[in-house]
Amino acid sequence: MSKNLLQIENLSIRFPKTGEQEVVAVNQLNFTLKKGESLGIVGESGSGKSMTALAIMQLLPKTASMEGKIIWNNSEDLAALDNSQMRQWRGREIGMIFQEPLSSLNPVFTCGDQVAEVIQTHFGTSKKQAKKETKDWFEKVQLAEPSRIFDAYPHQLSGGQRQRVMIAMALCGQPDLLICDEPTTALDVTVQYAILDLLMQLRKETAVSIVFISHDLAVIRQITDRVLIMQKGNKVEEGRVAAVFETPQNRYTQGLLACRPPLNVRLSRLPVIEKFIDDTISTATYLEKLKEKTGEYQQRQEQLSQSAVLLEVNNLHVRFPKEKSWYGKTIAYVNAVDGVSLRLRKGESLGLVGESGSGKTTLGKAILRLVKAQKGRVQFLGQNTLSLEEEDLRILRPKMQMVFQDPYSSLNPKMRIDEMLLEPLNIHQKHLTKDEKWQRLLVIIKKVGLTEESLSRHASEFSGGQRQRIGLARALLLQPELLICDESVSALDVSVQAQVLNLIKDLKEAYQFSLIFITHDLSVVKFIADTICVMKNGVIVERNDTESLFAAPQQEYTKKLLGSILDSSYDSKS
């Protein structure tokens, strides 16, 4: 047996009181990691998994207090070291990949310089040698054109490229332990698959131990040997991945596994964790109750085929400047949307899927005229929105709304929630009295699962799932006929994701709007969509009803996307 590389003993992390109670982020946590082993830590937002990682690196916020031991290599207690002493361990002994590389990389230095600095710091090599080794690492993490990447700034790279730079930075110190904190959460399925495959390959080559933190059970199943499940700071289950996934003993673990939209069956609603924790019903019985009735899908497809067309997009083109001449004239363009045509019927849910850079978000924004289209028609409610004057478009705009990917950046941090939600009513529904506006606001808030008391708070005081509910409320206040959701659940953990997807489905039934759901997650789009359009390089390469597309994809690109979906299914005997 390999000896322990890392041993966590009775780790507790606390934050100062909010109200009358102090916040216990991690409570008496114990686990070990052997040399060469890969351990997954799983749980919802707030379960304490990221705090555990930060504690190992001694990067906890200053307001946090910590108790317990972090034993390294059966000798050193990292918890007893101060910040200056920890510098020799960070990067050299323990490397870390953070969730969002754009916020982890310094925007004013090139990617190459940032990686080279780590090599120079830990090995004392010359600047020239560090540059060569950095390019070698870029090749190891399969970055094309290492010289170009070396001189590129973080904002000039795609999400997948930035994540590879972060992997190179974490591994160039040749650490014995690599901590990965949600490194693939916001990546599309094919890039996610490639990153995970790269990590497994590098693990074989370097024998590095891995602690992989994620809320995605499918990712954990692929990359780790053992898994540790956390809930509200406590360890609730631990074991070999296969054993935990196939026969989960804890109700919370069963709920996490069941919340992910399944690929092998159609559900009318997604299961939620609360049902597993609060109810004694078996997993199999609960899932059986949530299945769509036989013939329901086919009946809905027939009804939709008879519905009137709400939106028709014809030969839409959107391009952005790519390269300019020395005197500032644009000489090359990127065709983000390249001749797209599609139809959306009243009451229909259309899934728009594809990899990052496929043009799906640009298409959604062009439909709403949030980006300029150079050519084509967008026929909505009988009018070509692209040719409307701004004054006429303003009259039509309340009928077409958008929920953005990152609710925090789309909510004004200076405004209270009630001010933010009343603003569109004050602009577009001036005929309503103050009391009528307030009553409509209260109805919507209740529909999205928030309380009247929450209206006096600011966006920073809410979780990601709650912010997404606020975004939904704001979009629905104007009673739109078209709602476009752009990656609205991609950054949410599986349990919150299930709640938001159920909510969108409920709201669609209640308000009878048509939906365009933009996502890179095919398991999500199978649950929410009646029809799917697959985009690649600005073009729709395949369109079909959901079940037919999953059962028999026609294009190689679609087959590739479906083949990249990671399976987190399990057989429960409960």
Foldseek 3Di string as FASTA:
>chain_A
DADWQKWWFQKWKWADDDPPDIATQAGGDTDTFGQLFEEEEAEFPSLNPVVVVCQLLVNDPPRMDIDTFIDGPNDDTPNPDDPVVSVLCELQAEFEQEAALVVVFDQVAALLVLLLVSLCVNPVDDSVVSSVVSLVLCVLLPNPPSVVSNRHGPVVDDLLSSSSSSVSSRPVSVHQEYEYANHCLQFFLVSSLSNLVSVQVVCVVSSHYYYYYDLDLLSCLPRGQKYWYGGNNYTDDIDGSQCCLFANDDLQSLQSLQLQQDDPFAFQAGGFSCCSVVDPDDSVVVRVVRGDDPPPLVVVVVVQVPFAWFKWWFQWWDKDQDDADPVGHGDDIQTLAGGEIDIFGFLFEEEEAEGPSLNPVVVLCVLLPVDQIPDTFMAGPRDGLNPDDPVVSVLVNLQEEEQEQQLVVVFDQVDFLLVRLCVVCVVHVVVDDPVRLVVLLQVLCVLLPHHPVSRRHGPVVDDRLVSLSSSVSSSPSSLHQEYEYANNCSNGRSNSSSSVLNSVSVVCVVSRHYYYYYDSALSSCLRRGQKYFYGGSNYGPDIDGSVCCSVDPDDPSSVSSSVSDRDSHYHYPD
